[in-house]
Amino acid sequence: MPATIVSMHQAKSSLSQLVKRAASGETIFIGSYGRAEAVLTSAASAKPKKRLGLLEGKLIVPDDFDAPLPPEIIAAFEGDLQ
């Protein structure tokens, strides 16, 4: 199917229908004088795909990462610097 360019005036007067067409997967080009200036596409197609486990095996968590902090670091957080 060839790409058609919808004029600005037509896009303004039929925006809700164009949005429905874009939501169904059609790509709508909006422009003037036969030249596309904007593209209306489905928001679902714009969502990036999530990649789970992207950093698997690249990070090392020490066994004592949740151990209590040393007293001098706790003091620094509480503003008791000497």
Protein backbone atom coordinates (compact mmCIF):
# COMPACT_ATOMS: atom_id res chain seq x y z
CA MET A 1 0.00 0.00 0.00
CA PRO A 2 1.54 3.33 -1.03
CA ALA A 3 2.06 5.94 1.64
CA THR A 4 -0.44 8.76 1.53
CA ILE A 5 0.11 12.17 2.99
CA VAL A 6 -2.81 13.77 4.81
CA SER A 7 -2.96 17.55 4.60
CA MET A 8 -2.77 19.66 7.75
CA HIS A 9 -6.34 20.88 7.25
CA GLN A 10 -7.67 17.35 6.76
CA ALA A 11 -5.70 16.13 9.80
CA LYS A 12 -7.20 18.86 11.98
CA SER A 13 -10.74 18.10 10.89
CA SER A 14 -10.46 14.31 11.16
CA LEU A 15 -7.95 13.81 13.97
CA SER A 16 -10.01 11.25 15.89
CA GLN A 17 -10.36 9.03 12.80
CA LEU A 18 -6.64 9.34 12.06
CA VAL A 19 -5.78 8.37 15.63
CA LYS A 20 -8.00 5.28 15.34
CA ARG A 21 -6.26 4.31 12.10
CA ALA A 22 -2.84 4.80 13.69
CA ALA A 23 -3.88 2.80 16.76
CA SER A 24 -4.79 -0.09 14.48
CA GLY A 25 -1.24 -0.13 13.12
CA GLU A 26 -1.37 2.20 10.13
CA THR A 27 1.29 4.88 9.78
CA ILE A 28 -0.18 8.28 8.89
CA PHE A 29 1.96 10.98 7.29
CA ILE A 30 0.85 14.56 7.83
CA GLY A 31 2.18 17.42 5.76
CA SER A 32 1.49 20.03 3.19
CA TYR A 33 2.12 20.41 -0.53
CA GLY A 34 2.70 16.65 -0.88
CA ARG A 35 5.62 16.65 1.54
CA ALA A 36 5.45 14.77 4.86
CA GLU A 37 6.27 16.88 7.90
CA ALA A 38 5.08 14.60 10.71
CA VAL A 39 4.25 10.95 11.30
CA LEU A 40 1.35 9.64 13.36
CA THR A 41 1.92 6.08 14.61
CA SER A 42 0.54 3.85 17.30
CA ALA A 43 1.84 4.55 20.80
CA ALA A 44 2.15 0.80 21.31
CA SER A 45 4.76 0.62 18.56
CA ALA A 46 6.82 3.34 20.25
CA LYS A 47 7.34 1.47 23.52
CA PRO A 48 10.82 0.05 23.90
CA LYS A 49 10.98 -3.64 24.64
CA LYS A 50 12.26 -4.50 28.10
CA ARG A 51 15.25 -6.77 28.29
CA LEU A 52 15.36 -8.71 31.52
CA GLY A 53 18.70 -9.99 32.75
CA LEU A 54 20.67 -7.43 30.77
CA LEU A 55 23.47 -7.29 33.38
CA GLU A 56 23.37 -10.94 34.40
CA GLY A 57 26.88 -12.12 35.26
CA LYS A 58 28.37 -8.61 35.00
CA LEU A 59 27.82 -7.46 38.58
CA ILE A 60 29.23 -8.96 41.73
CA VAL A 61 27.39 -8.41 45.01
CA PRO A 62 29.64 -9.08 48.03
CA ASP A 63 28.35 -11.46 50.70
CA ASP A 64 28.45 -8.71 53.35
CA PHE A 65 26.77 -5.93 51.30
CA ASP A 66 23.97 -5.63 53.87
CA ALA A 67 26.27 -5.70 56.91
CA PRO A 68 26.05 -2.75 59.33
CA LEU A 69 28.12 0.28 58.40
CA PRO A 70 31.20 1.23 60.42
CA PRO A 71 30.55 3.84 63.15
CA GLU A 72 32.55 6.58 61.38
CA ILE A 73 30.40 6.31 58.24
CA ILE A 74 27.19 6.39 60.28
CA ALA A 75 28.51 9.48 62.05
CA ALA A 76 29.21 11.15 58.69
CA PHE A 77 25.62 10.48 57.53
CA GLU A 78 24.30 11.93 60.77
CA GLY A 79 26.46 15.03 60.43
CA ASP A 80 28.77 14.22 63.34
CA LEU A 81 32.03 14.91 61.51
CA GLN A 82 34.98 15.63 63.70
